[in-house]
Amino acid sequence: MAAAAAPSAAYEAMVGGGYADGWLASGGIGPGFTAGLSERLDDPTGVGFDHRLDFVFGRGAGGSSLSWLAPAVVTGVAATARDPRTGLWPSDHAGVVATVALPPR
């Protein structure tokens, strides 16, 4: 797998604005890669997912920290996610699931 790219200005603005990167804050499982397949979406495996491009950011009211209830996970990167008839991936991006506790009302 390729090394992760340096954070972009947009990423830095989010983190600098007090938003937590849900992948890092929750102790995400694995490298969190969500992008990198070929433009034809006919890659035989998910090895093309080689960088993070899809993020979950969050912060609590007034900039407080959130409680991440479980490590974030990436979905749709296994070869079984491909269409069994065409062999194509459903998207050039994987999904990210991050679970946070909502404050009481």
PDB file of N, CA and C in Angstrom:
ATOM      1  N   MET A   1       0.830  -1.170   0.000  1.00  0.00           N
ATOM      2  CA  MET A   1       0.000   0.000   0.000  1.00  0.00           C
ATOM      3  C   MET A   1       0.878   1.238   0.000  1.00  0.00           C
ATOM      4  N   ALA A   2       0.390   2.260  -0.630  1.00  0.00           N
ATOM      5  CA  ALA A   2       1.141   3.503  -0.705  1.00  0.00           C
ATOM      6  C   ALA A   2       1.076   4.244   0.627  1.00  0.00           C
ATOM      7  N   ALA A   3       2.055   5.073   0.850  1.00  0.00           N
ATOM      8  CA  ALA A   3       2.053   5.884   2.064  1.00  0.00           C
ATOM      9  C   ALA A   3       0.952   6.929   1.973  1.00  0.00           C
ATOM     10  N   ALA A   4       0.404   7.288   3.111  1.00  0.00           N
ATOM     11  CA  ALA A   4      -0.641   8.303   3.151  1.00  0.00           C
ATOM     12  C   ALA A   4      -0.063   9.651   2.735  1.00  0.00           C
ATOM     13  N   ALA A   5      -0.848  10.405   1.995  1.00  0.00           N
ATOM     14  CA  ALA A   5      -0.416  11.726   1.547  1.00  0.00           C
ATOM     15  C   ALA A   5      -0.459  12.710   2.706  1.00  0.00           C
ATOM     16  N   ALA A   6       0.299  13.786   2.570  1.00  0.00           N
ATOM     17  CA  ALA A   6       0.267  14.841   3.573  1.00  0.00           C
ATOM     18  C   ALA A   6      -1.134  15.434   3.626  1.00  0.00           C
ATOM     19  N   PRO A   7      -1.577  15.842   4.814  1.00  0.00           N
ATOM     20  CA  PRO A   7      -2.912  16.424   4.928  1.00  0.00           C
ATOM     21  C   PRO A   7      -3.069  17.657   4.029  1.00  0.00           C
ATOM     22  N   SER A   8      -4.263  17.825   3.509  1.00  0.00           N
ATOM     23  CA  SER A   8      -4.546  18.968   2.645  1.00  0.00           C
ATOM     24  C   SER A   8      -4.865  20.195   3.488  1.00  0.00           C
ATOM     25  N   ALA A   9      -4.943  21.339   2.818  1.00  0.00           N
ATOM     26  CA  ALA A   9      -5.304  22.576   3.506  1.00  0.00           C
ATOM     27  C   ALA A   9      -6.709  22.469   4.090  1.00  0.00           C
ATOM     28  N   ALA A  10      -7.614  21.789   3.387  1.00  0.00           N
ATOM     29  CA  ALA A  10      -8.976  21.629   3.901  1.00  0.00           C
ATOM     30  C   ALA A  10      -8.968  20.795   5.174  1.00  0.00           C
ATOM     31  N   TYR A  11      -8.199  19.718   5.180  1.00  0.00           N
ATOM     32  CA  TYR A  11      -8.079  18.873   6.370  1.00  0.00           C
ATOM     33  C   TYR A  11      -7.519  19.705   7.525  1.00  0.00           C
ATOM     34  N   GLU A  12      -6.456  20.416   7.261  1.00  0.00           N
ATOM     35  CA  GLU A  12      -5.826  21.235   8.295  1.00  0.00           C
ATOM     36  C   GLU A  12      -6.796  22.289   8.824  1.00  0.00           C
ATOM     37  N   ALA A  13      -7.644  22.854   7.957  1.00  0.00           N
ATOM     38  CA  ALA A  13      -8.627  23.851   8.394  1.00  0.00           C
ATOM     39  C   ALA A  13      -9.655  23.215   9.323  1.00  0.00           C
ATOM     40  N   MET A  14     -10.096  22.010   9.008  1.00  0.00           N
ATOM     41  CA  MET A  14     -11.071  21.322   9.865  1.00  0.00           C
ATOM     42  C   MET A  14     -10.462  21.030  11.239  1.00  0.00           C
ATOM     43  N   VAL A  15      -9.296  20.426  11.244  1.00  0.00           N
ATOM     44  CA  VAL A  15      -8.648  20.078  12.501  1.00  0.00           C
ATOM     45  C   VAL A  15      -8.264  21.352  13.270  1.00  0.00           C
ATOM     46  N   GLY A  16      -7.783  22.353  12.545  1.00  0.00           N
ATOM     47  CA  GLY A  16      -7.436  23.622  13.180  1.00  0.00           C
ATOM     48  C   GLY A  16      -8.644  24.351  13.739  1.00  0.00           C
ATOM     49  N   GLY A  17      -9.827  24.063  13.185  1.00  0.00           N
ATOM     50  CA  GLY A  17     -11.065  24.666  13.660  1.00  0.00           C
ATOM     51  C   GLY A  17     -11.677  23.915  14.829  1.00  0.00           C
ATOM     52  N   GLY A  18     -10.973  22.930  15.353  1.00  0.00           N
ATOM     53  CA  GLY A  18     -11.443  22.221  16.531  1.00  0.00           C
ATOM     54  C   GLY A  18     -12.204  20.940  16.259  1.00  0.00           C
ATOM     55  N   TYR A  19     -12.309  20.541  14.988  1.00  0.00           N
ATOM     56  CA  TYR A  19     -12.989  19.286  14.660  1.00  0.00           C
ATOM     57  C   TYR A  19     -12.006  18.128  14.772  1.00  0.00           C
ATOM     58  N   ALA A  20     -12.441  17.051  15.373  1.00  0.00           N
ATOM     59  CA  ALA A  20     -11.612  15.859  15.498  1.00  0.00           C
ATOM     60  C   ALA A  20     -11.770  15.003  14.246  1.00  0.00           C
ATOM     61  N   ASP A  21     -10.679  14.440  13.795  1.00  0.00           N
ATOM     62  CA  ASP A  21     -10.702  13.439  12.727  1.00  0.00           C
ATOM     63  C   ASP A  21     -11.184  12.154  13.385  1.00  0.00           C
ATOM     64  N   GLY A  22     -12.400  11.729  13.061  1.00  0.00           N
ATOM     65  CA  GLY A  22     -13.014  10.578  13.703  1.00  0.00           C
ATOM     66  C   GLY A  22     -12.204   9.313  13.582  1.00  0.00           C
ATOM     67  N   TRP A  23     -11.468   9.159  12.494  1.00  0.00           N
ATOM     68  CA  TRP A  23     -10.650   7.964  12.323  1.00  0.00           C
ATOM     69  C   TRP A  23      -9.563   7.902  13.384  1.00  0.00           C
ATOM     70  N   LEU A  24      -8.875   9.012  13.533  1.00  0.00           N
ATOM     71  CA  LEU A  24      -7.777   9.057  14.503  1.00  0.00           C
ATOM     72  C   LEU A  24      -8.307   9.105  15.932  1.00  0.00           C
ATOM     73  N   ALA A  25      -9.340   9.909  16.183  1.00  0.00           N
ATOM     74  CA  ALA A  25      -9.864  10.081  17.532  1.00  0.00           C
ATOM     75  C   ALA A  25     -10.467   8.797  18.094  1.00  0.00           C
ATOM     76  N   SER A  26     -11.044   7.985  17.229  1.00  0.00           N
ATOM     77  CA  SER A  26     -11.702   6.760  17.700  1.00  0.00           C
ATOM     78  C   SER A  26     -10.780   5.548  17.702  1.00  0.00           C
ATOM     79  N   GLY A  27      -9.572   5.709  17.180  1.00  0.00           N
ATOM     80  CA  GLY A  27      -8.669   4.561  17.070  1.00  0.00           C
ATOM     81  C   GLY A  27      -9.077   3.651  15.932  1.00  0.00           C
ATOM     82  N   GLY A  28      -9.404   4.259  14.785  1.00  0.00           N
ATOM     83  CA  GLY A  28      -9.869   3.509  13.615  1.00  0.00           C
ATOM     84  C   GLY A  28      -9.048   2.275  13.314  1.00  0.00           C
ATOM     85  N   ILE A  29      -9.717   1.265  12.805  1.00  0.00           N
ATOM     86  CA  ILE A  29      -9.091  -0.014  12.506  1.00  0.00           C
ATOM     87  C   ILE A  29      -8.416   0.051  11.129  1.00  0.00           C
ATOM     88  N   GLY A  30      -7.130  -0.262  11.083  1.00  0.00           N
ATOM     89  CA  GLY A  30      -6.393  -0.245   9.823  1.00  0.00           C
ATOM     90  C   GLY A  30      -6.011   1.165   9.415  1.00  0.00           C
ATOM     91  N   PRO A  31      -5.562   1.331   8.160  1.00  0.00           N
ATOM     92  CA  PRO A  31      -5.078   2.635   7.708  1.00  0.00           C
ATOM     93  C   PRO A  31      -6.191   3.621   7.330  1.00  0.00           C
ATOM     94  N   GLY A  32      -7.422   3.152   7.163  1.00  0.00           N
ATOM     95  CA  GLY A  32      -8.525   4.065   6.834  1.00  0.00           C
ATOM     96  C   GLY A  32      -8.597   4.479   5.382  1.00  0.00           C
ATOM     97  N   PHE A  33      -7.943   3.733   4.497  1.00  0.00           N
ATOM     98  CA  PHE A  33      -7.930   4.095   3.084  1.00  0.00           C
ATOM     99  C   PHE A  33      -9.320   3.936   2.459  1.00  0.00           C
ATOM    100  N   THR A  34      -9.762   4.971   1.742  1.00  0.00           N
ATOM    101  CA  THR A  34     -11.102   4.971   1.152  1.00  0.00           C
ATOM    102  C   THR A  34     -11.130   5.320  -0.325  1.00  0.00           C
ATOM    103  N   ALA A  35      -9.984   5.556  -0.932  1.00  0.00           N
ATOM    104  CA  ALA A  35      -9.977   5.971  -2.339  1.00  0.00           C
ATOM    105  C   ALA A  35      -8.731   5.450  -3.037  1.00  0.00           C
ATOM    106  N   GLY A  36      -8.809   5.424  -4.361  1.00  0.00           N
ATOM    107  CA  GLY A  36      -7.644   5.058  -5.147  1.00  0.00           C
ATOM    108  C   GLY A  36      -7.880   4.010  -6.213  1.00  0.00           C
ATOM    109  N   LEU A  37      -9.120   3.551  -6.377  1.00  0.00           N
ATOM    110  CA  LEU A  37      -9.377   2.567  -7.435  1.00  0.00           C
ATOM    111  C   LEU A  37      -9.182   3.200  -8.807  1.00  0.00           C
ATOM    112  N   SER A  38      -9.030   2.370  -9.823  1.00  0.00           N
ATOM    113  CA  SER A  38      -8.872   2.883 -11.176  1.00  0.00           C
ATOM    114  C   SER A  38     -10.177   3.501 -11.666  1.00  0.00           C
ATOM    115  N   GLU A  39     -10.096   4.331 -12.682  1.00  0.00           N
ATOM    116  CA  GLU A  39     -11.295   5.034 -13.171  1.00  0.00           C
ATOM    117  C   GLU A  39     -12.331   4.098 -13.777  1.00  0.00           C
ATOM    118  N   ARG A  40     -11.941   2.903 -14.172  1.00  0.00           N
ATOM    119  CA  ARG A  40     -12.899   1.957 -14.765  1.00  0.00           C
ATOM    120  C   ARG A  40     -13.618   1.111 -13.712  1.00  0.00           C
ATOM    121  N   LEU A  41     -13.163   1.171 -12.472  1.00  0.00           N
ATOM    122  CA  LEU A  41     -13.760   0.431 -11.353  1.00  0.00           C
ATOM    123  C   LEU A  41     -13.756  -1.083 -11.562  1.00  0.00           C
ATOM    124  N   ASP A  42     -12.810  -1.575 -12.354  1.00  0.00           N
ATOM    125  CA  ASP A  42     -12.742  -3.013 -12.612  1.00  0.00           C
ATOM    126  C   ASP A  42     -11.554  -3.680 -11.932  1.00  0.00           C
ATOM    127  N   ASP A  43     -11.004  -3.045 -10.914  1.00  0.00           N
ATOM    128  CA  ASP A  43      -9.884  -3.607 -10.160  1.00  0.00           C
ATOM    129  C   ASP A  43     -10.292  -4.970  -9.587  1.00  0.00           C
ATOM    130  N   PRO A  44      -9.452  -5.985  -9.699  1.00  0.00           N
ATOM    131  CA  PRO A  44      -9.823  -7.309  -9.192  1.00  0.00           C
ATOM    132  C   PRO A  44      -9.821  -7.411  -7.671  1.00  0.00           C
ATOM    133  N   THR A  45      -9.059  -6.536  -6.999  1.00  0.00           N
ATOM    134  CA  THR A  45      -9.007  -6.546  -5.536  1.00  0.00           C
ATOM    135  C   THR A  45      -9.127  -5.107  -5.027  1.00  0.00           C
ATOM    136  N   GLY A  46      -9.187  -4.967  -3.726  1.00  0.00           N
ATOM    137  CA  GLY A  46      -9.262  -3.643  -3.120  1.00  0.00           C
ATOM    138  C   GLY A  46      -7.915  -3.024  -2.825  1.00  0.00           C
ATOM    139  N   VAL A  47      -6.839  -3.588  -3.367  1.00  0.00           N
ATOM    140  CA  VAL A  47      -5.502  -3.056  -3.094  1.00  0.00           C
ATOM    141  C   VAL A  47      -5.369  -1.614  -3.596  1.00  0.00           C
ATOM    142  N   GLY A  48      -6.202  -1.206  -4.543  1.00  0.00           N
ATOM    143  CA  GLY A  48      -6.164   0.159  -5.056  1.00  0.00           C
ATOM    144  C   GLY A  48      -6.604   1.206  -4.052  1.00  0.00           C
ATOM    145  N   PHE A  49      -7.322   0.791  -3.013  1.00  0.00           N
ATOM    146  CA  PHE A  49      -7.664   1.741  -1.959  1.00  0.00           C
ATOM    147  C   PHE A  49      -6.363   2.031  -1.218  1.00  0.00           C
ATOM    148  N   ASP A  50      -5.750   3.173  -1.532  1.00  0.00           N
ATOM    149  CA  ASP A  50      -4.409   3.423  -1.014  1.00  0.00           C
ATOM    150  C   ASP A  50      -4.220   4.771  -0.339  1.00  0.00           C
ATOM    151  N   HIS A  51      -5.311   5.519  -0.154  1.00  0.00           N
ATOM    152  CA  HIS A  51      -5.193   6.769   0.594  1.00  0.00           C
ATOM    153  C   HIS A  51      -6.535   7.176   1.191  1.00  0.00           C
ATOM    154  N   ARG A  52      -6.447   8.009   2.208  1.00  0.00           N
ATOM    155  CA  ARG A  52      -7.657   8.512   2.865  1.00  0.00           C
ATOM    156  C   ARG A  52      -8.150   9.729   2.108  1.00  0.00           C
ATOM    157  N   LEU A  53      -9.408   9.713   1.730  1.00  0.00           N
ATOM    158  CA  LEU A  53     -10.010  10.856   1.056  1.00  0.00           C
ATOM    159  C   LEU A  53     -11.373  11.181   1.644  1.00  0.00           C
ATOM    160  N   ASP A  54     -11.967  10.232   2.338  1.00  0.00           N
ATOM    161  CA  ASP A  54     -13.288  10.393   2.927  1.00  0.00           C
ATOM    162  C   ASP A  54     -13.128  10.411   4.441  1.00  0.00           C
ATOM    163  N   PHE A  55     -13.684  11.422   5.068  1.00  0.00           N
ATOM    164  CA  PHE A  55     -13.453  11.648   6.488  1.00  0.00           C
ATOM    165  C   PHE A  55     -14.764  11.838   7.235  1.00  0.00           C
ATOM    166  N   VAL A  56     -14.717  11.573   8.529  1.00  0.00           N
ATOM    167  CA  VAL A  56     -15.786  11.932   9.457  1.00  0.00           C
ATOM    168  C   VAL A  56     -15.143  12.864  10.472  1.00  0.00           C
ATOM    169  N   PHE A  57     -15.616  14.100  10.516  1.00  0.00           N
ATOM    170  CA  PHE A  57     -15.118  15.073  11.482  1.00  0.00           C
ATOM    171  C   PHE A  57     -16.224  15.361  12.480  1.00  0.00           C
ATOM    172  N   GLY A  58     -15.853  15.687  13.694  1.00  0.00           N
ATOM    173  CA  GLY A  58     -16.864  16.042  14.669  1.00  0.00           C
ATOM    174  C   GLY A  58     -16.289  16.799  15.839  1.00  0.00           C
ATOM    175  N   ARG A  59     -17.162  17.581  16.459  1.00  0.00           N
ATOM    176  CA  ARG A  59     -16.827  18.243  17.718  1.00  0.00           C
ATOM    177  C   ARG A  59     -18.127  18.473  18.466  1.00  0.00           C
ATOM    178  N   GLY A  60     -18.024  18.545  19.750  1.00  0.00           N
ATOM    179  CA  GLY A  60     -19.194  18.760  20.581  1.00  0.00           C
ATOM    180  C   GLY A  60     -19.562  20.232  20.653  1.00  0.00           C
ATOM    181  N   ALA A  61     -20.634  20.504  21.374  1.00  0.00           N
ATOM    182  CA  ALA A  61     -21.098  21.872  21.566  1.00  0.00           C
ATOM    183  C   ALA A  61     -19.995  22.708  22.196  1.00  0.00           C
ATOM    184  N   GLY A  62     -19.824  23.912  21.684  1.00  0.00           N
ATOM    185  CA  GLY A  62     -18.801  24.792  22.229  1.00  0.00           C
ATOM    186  C   GLY A  62     -17.390  24.314  21.989  1.00  0.00           C
ATOM    187  N   GLY A  63     -17.216  23.367  21.067  1.00  0.00           N
ATOM    188  CA  GLY A  63     -15.884  22.859  20.748  1.00  0.00           C
ATOM    189  C   GLY A  63     -15.410  21.741  21.654  1.00  0.00           C
ATOM    190  N   SER A  64     -16.304  21.216  22.475  1.00  0.00           N
ATOM    191  CA  SER A  64     -15.909  20.127  23.373  1.00  0.00           C
ATOM    192  C   SER A  64     -15.628  18.851  22.588  1.00  0.00           C
ATOM    193  N   SER A  65     -14.982  17.924  23.251  1.00  0.00           N
ATOM    194  CA  SER A  65     -14.663  16.638  22.625  1.00  0.00           C
ATOM    195  C   SER A  65     -15.901  15.764  22.522  1.00  0.00           C
ATOM    196  N   LEU A  66     -15.894  14.886  21.558  1.00  0.00           N
ATOM    197  CA  LEU A  66     -16.952  13.889  21.414  1.00  0.00           C
ATOM    198  C   LEU A  66     -16.499  12.578  22.033  1.00  0.00           C
ATOM    199  N   SER A  67     -17.476  11.755  22.392  1.00  0.00           N
ATOM    200  CA  SER A  67     -17.183  10.396  22.843  1.00  0.00           C
ATOM    201  C   SER A  67     -17.386   9.463  21.667  1.00  0.00           C
ATOM    202  N   TRP A  68     -16.308   8.896  21.168  1.00  0.00           N
ATOM    203  CA  TRP A  68     -16.366   7.956  20.056  1.00  0.00           C
ATOM    204  C   TRP A  68     -16.617   6.587  20.667  1.00  0.00           C
ATOM    205  N   LEU A  69     -17.719   5.946  20.298  1.00  0.00           N
ATOM    206  CA  LEU A  69     -18.154   4.721  20.963  1.00  0.00           C
ATOM    207  C   LEU A  69     -17.454   3.457  20.484  1.00  0.00           C
ATOM    208  N   ALA A  70     -16.854   3.517  19.325  1.00  0.00           N
ATOM    209  CA  ALA A  70     -16.163   2.350  18.765  1.00  0.00           C
ATOM    210  C   ALA A  70     -15.135   2.845  17.763  1.00  0.00           C
ATOM    211  N   PRO A  71     -14.127   2.055  17.493  1.00  0.00           N
ATOM    212  CA  PRO A  71     -13.185   2.442  16.440  1.00  0.00           C
ATOM    213  C   PRO A  71     -13.901   2.574  15.096  1.00  0.00           C
ATOM    214  N   ALA A  72     -13.562   3.608  14.339  1.00  0.00           N
ATOM    215  CA  ALA A  72     -14.138   3.793  13.002  1.00  0.00           C
ATOM    216  C   ALA A  72     -13.709   2.633  12.101  1.00  0.00           C
ATOM    217  N   VAL A  73     -14.550   2.310  11.139  1.00  0.00           N
ATOM    218  CA  VAL A  73     -14.254   1.243  10.185  1.00  0.00           C
ATOM    219  C   VAL A  73     -14.525   1.723   8.768  1.00  0.00           C
ATOM    220  N   VAL A  74     -13.812   1.139   7.831  1.00  0.00           N
ATOM    221  CA  VAL A  74     -14.038   1.387   6.408  1.00  0.00           C
ATOM    222  C   VAL A  74     -14.880   0.235   5.876  1.00  0.00           C
ATOM    223  N   THR A  75     -15.870   0.551   5.072  1.00  0.00           N
ATOM    224  CA  THR A  75     -16.726  -0.482   4.487  1.00  0.00           C
ATOM    225  C   THR A  75     -16.564  -0.491   2.971  1.00  0.00           C
ATOM    226  N   GLY A  76     -16.824  -1.646   2.378  1.00  0.00           N
ATOM    227  CA  GLY A  76     -16.833  -1.750   0.922  1.00  0.00           C
ATOM    228  C   GLY A  76     -15.488  -1.904   0.255  1.00  0.00           C
ATOM    229  N   VAL A  77     -14.468  -2.363   0.975  1.00  0.00           N
ATOM    230  CA  VAL A  77     -13.141  -2.519   0.371  1.00  0.00           C
ATOM    231  C   VAL A  77     -12.791  -3.974   0.058  1.00  0.00           C
ATOM    232  N   ALA A  78     -13.608  -4.897   0.517  1.00  0.00           N
ATOM    233  CA  ALA A  78     -13.366  -6.311   0.209  1.00  0.00           C
ATOM    234  C   ALA A  78     -13.853  -6.608  -1.204  1.00  0.00           C
ATOM    235  N   ALA A  79     -13.193  -7.532  -1.867  1.00  0.00           N
ATOM    236  CA  ALA A  79     -13.566  -7.893  -3.243  1.00  0.00           C
ATOM    237  C   ALA A  79     -15.025  -8.338  -3.337  1.00  0.00           C
ATOM    238  N   THR A  80     -15.585  -8.816  -2.244  1.00  0.00           N
ATOM    239  CA  THR A  80     -16.993  -9.232  -2.247  1.00  0.00           C
ATOM    240  C   THR A  80     -17.945  -8.052  -2.415  1.00  0.00           C
ATOM    241  N   ALA A  81     -17.454  -6.827  -2.289  1.00  0.00           N
ATOM    242  CA  ALA A  81     -18.293  -5.640  -2.499  1.00  0.00           C
ATOM    243  C   ALA A  81     -18.559  -5.394  -3.991  1.00  0.00           C
ATOM    244  N   ARG A  82     -17.771  -6.031  -4.852  1.00  0.00           N
ATOM    245  CA  ARG A  82     -17.952  -5.837  -6.302  1.00  0.00           C
ATOM    246  C   ARG A  82     -19.247  -6.508  -6.770  1.00  0.00           C
ATOM    247  N   ASP A  83     -19.819  -5.984  -7.836  1.00  0.00           N
ATOM    248  CA  ASP A  83     -21.017  -6.583  -8.431  1.00  0.00           C
ATOM    249  C   ASP A  83     -20.658  -7.970  -8.948  1.00  0.00           C
ATOM    250  N   PRO A  84     -21.384  -9.012  -8.528  1.00  0.00           N
ATOM    251  CA  PRO A  84     -21.011 -10.367  -8.942  1.00  0.00           C
ATOM    252  C   PRO A  84     -21.180 -10.612 -10.446  1.00  0.00           C
ATOM    253  N   ARG A  85     -22.041  -9.876 -11.098  1.00  0.00           N
ATOM    254  CA  ARG A  85     -22.259 -10.071 -12.532  1.00  0.00           C
ATOM    255  C   ARG A  85     -21.212  -9.347 -13.376  1.00  0.00           C
ATOM    256  N   THR A  86     -20.949  -8.076 -13.029  1.00  0.00           N
ATOM    257  CA  THR A  86     -20.034  -7.281 -13.851  1.00  0.00           C
ATOM    258  C   THR A  86     -18.606  -7.257 -13.313  1.00  0.00           C
ATOM    259  N   GLY A  87     -18.442  -7.549 -12.017  1.00  0.00           N
ATOM    260  CA  GLY A  87     -17.127  -7.460 -11.394  1.00  0.00           C
ATOM    261  C   GLY A  87     -16.717  -6.035 -11.068  1.00  0.00           C
ATOM    262  N   LEU A  88     -17.628  -5.087 -11.269  1.00  0.00           N
ATOM    263  CA  LEU A  88     -17.299  -3.683 -11.005  1.00  0.00           C
ATOM    264  C   LEU A  88     -17.568  -3.327  -9.544  1.00  0.00           C
ATOM    265  N   TRP A  89     -16.782  -2.395  -9.048  1.00  0.00           N
ATOM    266  CA  TRP A  89     -17.005  -1.858  -7.712  1.00  0.00           C
ATOM    267  C   TRP A  89     -18.187  -0.892  -7.780  1.00  0.00           C
ATOM    268  N   PRO A  90     -18.976  -0.765  -6.706  1.00  0.00           N
ATOM    269  CA  PRO A  90     -20.128   0.138  -6.748  1.00  0.00           C
ATOM    270  C   PRO A  90     -19.745   1.613  -6.767  1.00  0.00           C
ATOM    271  N   SER A  91     -18.533   1.935  -6.366  1.00  0.00           N
ATOM    272  CA  SER A  91     -18.072   3.313  -6.314  1.00  0.00           C
ATOM    273  C   SER A  91     -16.554   3.324  -6.324  1.00  0.00           C
ATOM    274  N   ASP A  92     -15.988   4.484  -6.602  1.00  0.00           N
ATOM    275  CA  ASP A  92     -14.533   4.601  -6.508  1.00  0.00           C
ATOM    276  C   ASP A  92     -14.104   5.009  -5.092  1.00  0.00           C
ATOM    277  N   HIS A  93     -15.068   5.068  -4.176  1.00  0.00           N
ATOM    278  CA  HIS A  93     -14.784   5.370  -2.782  1.00  0.00           C
ATOM    279  C   HIS A  93     -15.400   4.308  -1.886  1.00  0.00           C
ATOM    280  N   ALA A  94     -14.735   4.045  -0.790  1.00  0.00           N
ATOM    281  CA  ALA A  94     -15.293   3.174   0.244  1.00  0.00           C
ATOM    282  C   ALA A  94     -16.073   4.042   1.223  1.00  0.00           C
ATOM    283  N   GLY A  95     -16.784   3.409   2.124  1.00  0.00           N
ATOM    284  CA  GLY A  95     -17.517   4.150   3.141  1.00  0.00           C
ATOM    285  C   GLY A  95     -16.754   4.183   4.448  1.00  0.00           C
ATOM    286  N   VAL A  96     -17.082   5.146   5.280  1.00  0.00           N
ATOM    287  CA  VAL A  96     -16.499   5.260   6.610  1.00  0.00           C
ATOM    288  C   VAL A  96     -17.643   5.300   7.613  1.00  0.00           C
ATOM    289  N   VAL A  97     -17.541   4.478   8.651  1.00  0.00           N
ATOM    290  CA  VAL A  97     -18.539   4.466   9.716  1.00  0.00           C
ATOM    291  C   VAL A  97     -17.847   4.839  11.015  1.00  0.00           C
ATOM    292  N   ALA A  98     -18.338   5.903  11.641  1.00  0.00           N
ATOM    293  CA  ALA A  98     -17.832   6.334  12.953  1.00  0.00           C
ATOM    294  C   ALA A  98     -19.046   6.537  13.859  1.00  0.00           C
ATOM    295  N   THR A  99     -18.966   6.026  15.064  1.00  0.00           N
ATOM    296  CA  THR A  99     -20.105   6.075  15.979  1.00  0.00           C
ATOM    297  C   THR A  99     -19.757   6.966  17.167  1.00  0.00           C
ATOM    298  N   VAL A 100     -20.603   7.974  17.396  1.00  0.00           N
ATOM    299  CA  VAL A 100     -20.381   8.902  18.500  1.00  0.00           C
ATOM    300  C   VAL A 100     -21.587   8.878  19.444  1.00  0.00           C
ATOM    301  N   ALA A 101     -21.329   9.241  20.699  1.00  0.00           N
ATOM    302  CA  ALA A 101     -22.412   9.377  21.672  1.00  0.00           C
ATOM    303  C   ALA A 101     -22.980  10.777  21.549  1.00  0.00           C
ATOM    304  N   LEU A 102     -24.298  10.861  21.473  1.00  0.00           N
ATOM    305  CA  LEU A 102     -24.949  12.167  21.444  1.00  0.00           C
ATOM    306  C   LEU A 102     -25.197  12.621  22.884  1.00  0.00           C
ATOM    307  N   PRO A 103     -25.023  13.901  23.142  1.00  0.00           N
ATOM    308  CA  PRO A 103     -25.245  14.377  24.505  1.00  0.00           C
ATOM    309  C   PRO A 103     -26.720  14.297  24.871  1.00  0.00           C
ATOM    310  N   PRO A 104     -27.014  14.145  26.159  1.00  0.00           N
ATOM    311  CA  PRO A 104     -28.426  14.123  26.560  1.00  0.00           C
ATOM    312  C   PRO A 104     -29.083  15.461  26.271  1.00  0.00           C
ATOM    313  N   ARG A 105     -30.370  15.408  26.032  1.00  0.00           N
ATOM    314  CA  ARG A 105     -31.123  16.643  25.735  1.00  0.00           C
ATOM    315  C   ARG A 105     -31.735  17.174  26.985  1.00  0.00           C
TER     316      ARG A 105
END
